[in-house]
């Protein structure tokens, strides 16, 4: 199934030599984790569109077990954030919060679907609370 959507890359991770696993906050499907093959190659069209904090137009294919990004083109790359360390750290903070909020939402939907006992508000706050760290990762 082919899906065309727009989304913000909120996490990127290198897999192998030239592939990327990206987490995308999409307009239609919420948070999606997808593989972008050969995205680390400089000549590939997906290279710029799958970088962190890039707002892109994506063509995502849903396979049996995972999502694959077939085509991607950047809409906005936000180069200004990379020049200002304060703006970059604030953007990273919001990315972490969006991932935790999406996790909490997914957890609530999943427990409702299987008919499990709902999570208490205290437990939910604990799950979505930022982790204390001496040196936050940027």
N, C-alpha and C. Protein backbone atom coordinates (compact mmCIF):
# COMPACT_ATOMS: atom_id res chain seq x y z
N UNK A 1 0.84 -1.18 0.00
CA UNK A 1 0.00 0.00 0.00
C UNK A 1 0.88 1.24 0.00
N UNK A 2 0.68 2.11 -0.94
CA UNK A 2 1.46 3.33 -1.12
C UNK A 2 0.72 4.51 -0.48
N UNK A 3 1.42 5.28 0.35
CA UNK A 3 0.83 6.44 1.01
C UNK A 3 1.70 7.65 0.72
N UNK A 4 1.08 8.73 0.28
CA UNK A 4 1.80 9.99 0.08
C UNK A 4 1.38 10.94 1.19
N UNK A 5 2.36 11.48 1.89
CA UNK A 5 2.07 12.35 3.03
C UNK A 5 3.20 13.35 3.21
N UNK A 6 2.99 14.29 4.10
CA UNK A 6 4.02 15.25 4.49
C UNK A 6 4.33 15.01 5.95
N UNK A 7 5.61 15.22 6.32
CA UNK A 7 5.96 15.00 7.71
C UNK A 7 7.29 15.62 8.09
N UNK A 8 7.49 15.72 9.39
CA UNK A 8 8.72 16.25 9.97
C UNK A 8 9.55 15.09 10.50
N UNK A 9 10.81 15.04 10.10
CA UNK A 9 11.70 13.99 10.57
C UNK A 9 12.10 14.33 12.00
N UNK A 10 11.66 13.50 12.96
CA UNK A 10 11.94 13.81 14.36
C UNK A 10 13.05 12.93 14.93
N UNK A 11 13.47 11.92 14.18
CA UNK A 11 14.61 11.10 14.61
C UNK A 11 15.19 10.39 13.40
N UNK A 12 16.52 10.32 13.36
CA UNK A 12 17.19 9.56 12.30
C UNK A 12 18.26 8.68 12.93
N UNK A 13 18.42 7.52 12.35
CA UNK A 13 19.39 6.56 12.86
C UNK A 13 20.01 5.84 11.66
N UNK A 14 21.34 5.73 11.66
CA UNK A 14 22.02 5.05 10.57
C UNK A 14 21.91 3.55 10.75
N UNK A 15 21.57 2.87 9.68
CA UNK A 15 21.47 1.42 9.66
C UNK A 15 22.37 0.94 8.53
N UNK A 16 23.40 0.19 8.89
CA UNK A 16 24.35 -0.24 7.87
C UNK A 16 25.19 0.92 7.38
N UNK A 17 25.67 0.81 6.14
CA UNK A 17 26.52 1.86 5.59
C UNK A 17 25.76 3.00 4.95
N UNK A 18 24.63 2.69 4.32
CA UNK A 18 23.98 3.73 3.54
C UNK A 18 22.49 3.90 3.80
N UNK A 19 21.93 3.14 4.73
CA UNK A 19 20.49 3.23 5.00
C UNK A 19 20.22 4.05 6.25
N UNK A 20 18.99 4.56 6.32
CA UNK A 20 18.55 5.31 7.50
C UNK A 20 17.21 4.78 7.98
N UNK A 21 17.07 4.73 9.29
CA UNK A 21 15.78 4.47 9.91
C UNK A 21 15.33 5.80 10.48
N UNK A 22 14.22 6.31 9.98
CA UNK A 22 13.75 7.63 10.41
C UNK A 22 12.40 7.50 11.10
N UNK A 23 12.17 8.38 12.05
CA UNK A 23 10.87 8.51 12.70
C UNK A 23 10.27 9.80 12.19
N UNK A 24 9.08 9.70 11.63
CA UNK A 24 8.45 10.84 10.97
C UNK A 24 7.14 11.16 11.68
N UNK A 25 6.96 12.41 12.01
CA UNK A 25 5.69 12.89 12.54
C UNK A 25 4.87 13.36 11.33
N UNK A 26 3.94 12.51 10.89
CA UNK A 26 3.20 12.79 9.65
C UNK A 26 1.89 13.50 9.93
N UNK A 27 1.40 14.11 8.92
CA UNK A 27 0.14 14.82 9.01
C UNK A 27 -1.04 13.84 9.08
N UNK A 28 -0.96 12.74 8.35
CA UNK A 28 -2.09 11.82 8.24
C UNK A 28 -2.02 10.64 9.20
N UNK A 29 -0.83 10.03 9.36
CA UNK A 29 -0.72 8.76 10.08
C UNK A 29 -0.08 8.89 11.46
N UNK A 30 0.19 10.08 11.93
CA UNK A 30 0.84 10.24 13.23
C UNK A 30 2.33 9.94 13.14
N UNK A 31 2.86 9.23 14.11
CA UNK A 31 4.29 8.91 14.14
C UNK A 31 4.52 7.58 13.41
N UNK A 32 5.42 7.61 12.43
CA UNK A 32 5.73 6.44 11.61
C UNK A 32 7.23 6.24 11.60
N UNK A 33 7.68 5.00 11.82
CA UNK A 33 9.10 4.66 11.67
C UNK A 33 9.27 3.97 10.33
N UNK A 34 10.18 4.46 9.50
CA UNK A 34 10.34 3.92 8.15
C UNK A 34 11.81 3.86 7.77
N UNK A 35 12.13 2.89 6.90
CA UNK A 35 13.49 2.76 6.38
C UNK A 35 13.61 3.54 5.08
N UNK A 36 14.73 4.22 4.93
CA UNK A 36 15.05 4.91 3.69
C UNK A 36 16.34 4.28 3.15
N UNK A 37 16.20 3.48 2.12
CA UNK A 37 17.36 2.79 1.54
C UNK A 37 18.25 3.78 0.80
N UNK A 38 19.54 3.63 0.95
CA UNK A 38 20.58 4.45 0.29
C UNK A 38 20.41 5.94 0.59
N UNK A 39 19.85 6.29 1.72
CA UNK A 39 19.62 7.70 2.05
C UNK A 39 20.89 8.41 2.49
N UNK A 40 21.93 7.66 2.86
CA UNK A 40 23.19 8.30 3.26
C UNK A 40 24.07 8.63 2.06
N UNK A 41 23.74 8.08 0.88
CA UNK A 41 24.50 8.41 -0.32
C UNK A 41 24.22 9.86 -0.71
N UNK A 42 25.25 10.61 -0.98
CA UNK A 42 25.07 12.04 -1.29
C UNK A 42 24.32 12.25 -2.59
N UNK A 43 24.42 11.32 -3.53
CA UNK A 43 23.75 11.48 -4.82
C UNK A 43 22.29 11.06 -4.80
N UNK A 44 21.86 10.43 -3.73
CA UNK A 44 20.48 9.97 -3.65
C UNK A 44 19.54 11.13 -3.35
N UNK A 45 18.36 11.09 -3.93
CA UNK A 45 17.39 12.19 -3.73
C UNK A 45 16.81 12.20 -2.31
N UNK A 46 16.88 11.07 -1.60
CA UNK A 46 16.33 11.01 -0.24
C UNK A 46 17.31 11.53 0.81
N UNK A 47 18.52 11.86 0.42
CA UNK A 47 19.54 12.26 1.38
C UNK A 47 19.14 13.51 2.18
N UNK A 48 18.76 14.56 1.50
CA UNK A 48 18.40 15.81 2.19
C UNK A 48 17.03 15.71 2.86
N UNK A 49 16.12 14.98 2.24
CA UNK A 49 14.74 14.94 2.73
C UNK A 49 14.57 14.09 3.98
N UNK A 50 15.55 13.24 4.31
CA UNK A 50 15.43 12.38 5.49
C UNK A 50 16.38 12.80 6.60
N UNK A 51 16.87 14.02 6.58
CA UNK A 51 17.71 14.52 7.66
C UNK A 51 16.84 15.00 8.81
N UNK A 52 17.44 15.05 9.99
CA UNK A 52 16.74 15.48 11.19
C UNK A 52 16.22 16.91 11.02
N UNK A 53 15.02 17.15 11.50
CA UNK A 53 14.35 18.46 11.45
C UNK A 53 14.09 18.94 10.03
N UNK A 54 13.81 18.02 9.13
CA UNK A 54 13.47 18.38 7.76
C UNK A 54 11.99 18.09 7.54
N UNK A 55 11.27 19.07 7.02
CA UNK A 55 9.86 18.87 6.69
C UNK A 55 9.80 18.45 5.23
N UNK A 56 9.28 17.24 4.97
CA UNK A 56 9.39 16.64 3.64
C UNK A 56 8.06 16.11 3.14
N UNK A 57 8.01 15.96 1.81
CA UNK A 57 6.91 15.28 1.15
C UNK A 57 7.39 13.85 0.92
N UNK A 58 6.69 12.87 1.48
CA UNK A 58 7.17 11.49 1.47
C UNK A 58 6.18 10.57 0.75
N UNK A 59 6.75 9.59 0.08
CA UNK A 59 5.98 8.51 -0.50
C UNK A 59 6.39 7.25 0.25
N UNK A 60 5.50 6.73 1.09
CA UNK A 60 5.82 5.62 1.99
C UNK A 60 5.06 4.37 1.54
N UNK A 61 5.79 3.27 1.47
CA UNK A 61 5.22 1.98 1.11
C UNK A 61 5.14 1.12 2.36
N UNK A 62 3.97 0.57 2.64
CA UNK A 62 3.81 -0.29 3.81
C UNK A 62 3.98 -1.74 3.38
N UNK A 63 5.04 -2.37 3.88
CA UNK A 63 5.29 -3.77 3.60
C UNK A 63 4.61 -4.66 4.62
N UNK A 64 5.01 -5.92 4.67
CA UNK A 64 4.41 -6.85 5.62
C UNK A 64 4.79 -6.50 7.05
N UNK A 65 6.05 -6.13 7.25
CA UNK A 65 6.54 -5.90 8.61
C UNK A 65 7.00 -4.47 8.89
N UNK A 66 7.29 -3.71 7.85
CA UNK A 66 7.86 -2.38 8.07
C UNK A 66 7.46 -1.42 6.97
N UNK A 67 7.70 -0.14 7.24
CA UNK A 67 7.47 0.90 6.26
C UNK A 67 8.77 1.21 5.53
N UNK A 68 8.67 1.51 4.23
CA UNK A 68 9.83 1.89 3.42
C UNK A 68 9.51 3.23 2.74
N UNK A 69 10.50 4.10 2.70
CA UNK A 69 10.32 5.38 2.01
C UNK A 69 10.80 5.19 0.58
N UNK A 70 9.85 5.28 -0.37
CA UNK A 70 10.18 5.14 -1.79
C UNK A 70 10.77 6.41 -2.35
N UNK A 71 10.13 7.52 -2.05
CA UNK A 71 10.56 8.80 -2.61
C UNK A 71 10.36 9.87 -1.55
N UNK A 72 11.26 10.83 -1.53
CA UNK A 72 11.15 11.94 -0.58
C UNK A 72 11.73 13.20 -1.20
N UNK A 73 11.06 14.28 -0.96
CA UNK A 73 11.59 15.57 -1.41
C UNK A 73 11.39 16.59 -0.29
N UNK A 74 12.43 17.35 0.01
CA UNK A 74 12.32 18.31 1.12
C UNK A 74 11.42 19.49 0.76
N UNK A 75 10.60 19.89 1.72
CA UNK A 75 9.79 21.09 1.58
C UNK A 75 10.50 22.25 2.28
N UNK A 76 10.95 21.99 3.52
CA UNK A 76 11.69 22.98 4.31
C UNK A 76 12.77 22.26 5.10
N UNK A 77 14.02 22.77 5.02
CA UNK A 77 15.14 22.09 5.67
C UNK A 77 15.54 22.75 6.99
N UNK A 78 15.15 23.96 7.24
CA UNK A 78 15.42 24.68 8.49
C UNK A 78 16.91 24.79 8.79
N UNK A 79 17.67 25.33 7.84
CA UNK A 79 19.10 25.51 8.05
C UNK A 79 19.41 26.49 9.17
N UNK A 80 18.51 27.44 9.42
CA UNK A 80 18.72 28.43 10.48
C UNK A 80 18.84 27.79 11.85
N UNK A 81 18.15 26.69 12.08
CA UNK A 81 18.25 26.00 13.38
C UNK A 81 19.64 25.45 13.62
N UNK A 82 20.31 25.02 12.57
CA UNK A 82 21.64 24.42 12.72
C UNK A 82 22.71 25.46 13.05
N UNK A 83 22.42 26.72 12.76
CA UNK A 83 23.39 27.79 13.04
C UNK A 83 23.30 28.32 14.46
N UNK A 84 22.13 28.21 15.08
CA UNK A 84 21.90 28.77 16.41
C UNK A 84 21.74 27.64 17.41
N UNK A 85 22.69 27.50 18.34
CA UNK A 85 22.68 26.38 19.28
C UNK A 85 21.49 26.43 20.23
N UNK A 86 21.05 27.62 20.61
CA UNK A 86 19.89 27.73 21.50
C UNK A 86 18.62 27.27 20.78
N UNK A 87 18.45 27.68 19.54
CA UNK A 87 17.28 27.26 18.76
C UNK A 87 17.31 25.76 18.49
N UNK A 88 18.50 25.22 18.22
CA UNK A 88 18.64 23.79 17.97
C UNK A 88 18.31 22.97 19.21
N UNK A 89 18.77 23.42 20.38
CA UNK A 89 18.47 22.68 21.60
C UNK A 89 16.98 22.76 21.94
N UNK A 90 16.34 23.88 21.68
CA UNK A 90 14.91 24.00 21.90
C UNK A 90 14.14 23.09 20.94
N UNK A 91 14.57 23.03 19.70
CA UNK A 91 13.94 22.14 18.72
C UNK A 91 14.10 20.68 19.14
N UNK A 92 15.28 20.31 19.64
CA UNK A 92 15.51 18.93 20.11
C UNK A 92 14.60 18.61 21.30
N UNK A 93 14.41 19.56 22.17
CA UNK A 93 13.51 19.37 23.32
C UNK A 93 12.09 19.07 22.84
N UNK A 94 11.60 19.86 21.88
CA UNK A 94 10.25 19.65 21.37
C UNK A 94 10.14 18.32 20.62
N UNK A 95 11.20 17.90 19.96
CA UNK A 95 11.18 16.59 19.30
C UNK A 95 11.03 15.46 20.31
N UNK A 96 11.78 15.54 21.40
CA UNK A 96 11.67 14.51 22.44
C UNK A 96 10.27 14.50 23.05
N UNK A 97 9.71 15.68 23.28
CA UNK A 97 8.35 15.76 23.85
C UNK A 97 7.32 15.18 22.88
N UNK A 98 7.49 15.46 21.60
CA UNK A 98 6.52 14.94 20.62
C UNK A 98 6.59 13.43 20.54
N UNK A 99 7.79 12.84 20.66
CA UNK A 99 7.92 11.38 20.64
C UNK A 99 7.24 10.78 21.87
N UNK A 100 7.42 11.39 23.03
CA UNK A 100 6.81 10.86 24.26
C UNK A 100 5.30 11.01 24.23
N UNK A 101 4.82 12.14 23.72
CA UNK A 101 3.38 12.34 23.64
C UNK A 101 2.76 11.34 22.68
N UNK A 102 3.42 11.10 21.55
CA UNK A 102 2.91 10.12 20.59
C UNK A 102 2.93 8.72 21.20
N UNK A 103 3.94 8.41 22.00
CA UNK A 103 4.02 7.11 22.67
C UNK A 103 2.85 6.93 23.64
N UNK A 104 2.57 7.97 24.42
CA UNK A 104 1.46 7.90 25.36
C UNK A 104 0.13 7.74 24.66
N UNK A 105 -0.07 8.45 23.53
CA UNK A 105 -1.30 8.34 22.75
C UNK A 105 -1.43 6.93 22.18
N UNK A 106 -0.35 6.38 21.63
CA UNK A 106 -0.37 5.03 21.07
C UNK A 106 -0.66 4.01 22.15
N UNK A 107 -0.09 4.19 23.33
CA UNK A 107 -0.32 3.28 24.44
C UNK A 107 -1.80 3.29 24.86
N UNK A 108 -2.41 4.46 24.92
CA UNK A 108 -3.83 4.56 25.28
C UNK A 108 -4.71 3.87 24.23
N UNK A 109 -4.41 4.07 22.95
CA UNK A 109 -5.18 3.43 21.88
C UNK A 109 -5.04 1.92 21.94
N UNK A 110 -3.81 1.44 22.15
CA UNK A 110 -3.55 0.01 22.20
C UNK A 110 -4.28 -0.65 23.36
N UNK A 111 -4.23 -0.04 24.53
CA UNK A 111 -4.93 -0.64 25.69
C UNK A 111 -6.44 -0.62 25.48
N UNK A 112 -6.97 0.39 24.81
CA UNK A 112 -8.41 0.43 24.53
C UNK A 112 -8.80 -0.66 23.54
N UNK A 113 -7.95 -0.91 22.55
CA UNK A 113 -8.26 -1.93 21.54
C UNK A 113 -8.28 -3.33 22.12
N UNK A 114 -7.36 -3.64 23.02
CA UNK A 114 -7.32 -5.00 23.55
C UNK A 114 -8.20 -5.15 24.78
N UNK A 115 -8.84 -4.08 25.20
CA UNK A 115 -9.75 -4.14 26.34
C UNK A 115 -9.05 -4.23 27.67
N UNK A 116 -7.81 -3.76 27.73
CA UNK A 116 -7.06 -3.79 28.98
C UNK A 116 -7.53 -2.67 29.90
N UNK A 117 -7.14 -2.80 31.14
CA UNK A 117 -7.45 -1.78 32.13
C UNK A 117 -6.73 -0.48 31.74
N UNK A 118 -7.44 0.64 31.72
CA UNK A 118 -6.79 1.91 31.35
C UNK A 118 -5.65 2.27 32.31
N UNK A 119 -4.70 2.99 31.78
CA UNK A 119 -3.55 3.43 32.57
C UNK A 119 -3.97 4.58 33.46
N UNK A 120 -3.55 4.56 34.70
CA UNK A 120 -3.89 5.64 35.63
C UNK A 120 -3.19 6.93 35.20
N UNK A 121 -3.78 8.08 35.51
CA UNK A 121 -3.14 9.34 35.14
C UNK A 121 -1.74 9.50 35.72
N UNK A 122 -1.51 8.99 36.94
CA UNK A 122 -0.18 9.09 37.54
C UNK A 122 0.83 8.28 36.73
N UNK A 123 0.45 7.07 36.33
CA UNK A 123 1.34 6.22 35.53
C UNK A 123 1.58 6.84 34.15
N UNK A 124 0.56 7.46 33.60
CA UNK A 124 0.69 8.11 32.30
C UNK A 124 1.66 9.29 32.38
N UNK A 125 1.58 10.08 33.46
CA UNK A 125 2.53 11.19 33.63
C UNK A 125 3.94 10.66 33.78
N UNK A 126 4.09 9.55 34.46
CA UNK A 126 5.41 8.95 34.65
C UNK A 126 5.99 8.49 33.31
N UNK A 127 5.15 7.92 32.44
CA UNK A 127 5.61 7.45 31.14
C UNK A 127 6.00 8.60 30.22
N UNK A 128 5.29 9.73 30.33
CA UNK A 128 5.57 10.84 29.43
C UNK A 128 6.52 11.88 30.03
N UNK A 129 6.98 11.67 31.25
CA UNK A 129 7.89 12.64 31.88
C UNK A 129 9.27 12.55 31.23
N UNK A 130 9.94 13.70 31.05
CA UNK A 130 11.29 13.66 30.49
C UNK A 130 12.27 12.96 31.42
N UNK A 131 13.19 12.25 30.86
CA UNK A 131 14.18 11.53 31.65
C UNK A 131 15.19 12.51 32.21
N UNK A 132 15.54 12.35 33.48
CA UNK A 132 16.56 13.20 34.11
C UNK A 132 17.93 12.71 33.64
N UNK A 133 18.75 13.65 33.24
CA UNK A 133 20.07 13.28 32.74
C UNK A 133 21.05 14.40 33.08
N UNK A 134 22.27 14.01 33.40
CA UNK A 134 23.28 15.02 33.71
C UNK A 134 23.67 15.77 32.45
N UNK A 135 23.71 15.08 31.34
CA UNK A 135 24.08 15.70 30.07
C UNK A 135 23.05 15.31 29.03
N UNK A 136 22.06 16.16 28.74
CA UNK A 136 21.04 15.80 27.76
C UNK A 136 21.66 15.66 26.38
N UNK A 137 21.18 14.65 25.65
CA UNK A 137 21.73 14.42 24.32
C UNK A 137 21.13 15.38 23.33
N UNK A 138 21.97 15.97 22.49
CA UNK A 138 21.50 16.92 21.48
C UNK A 138 21.55 16.30 20.12
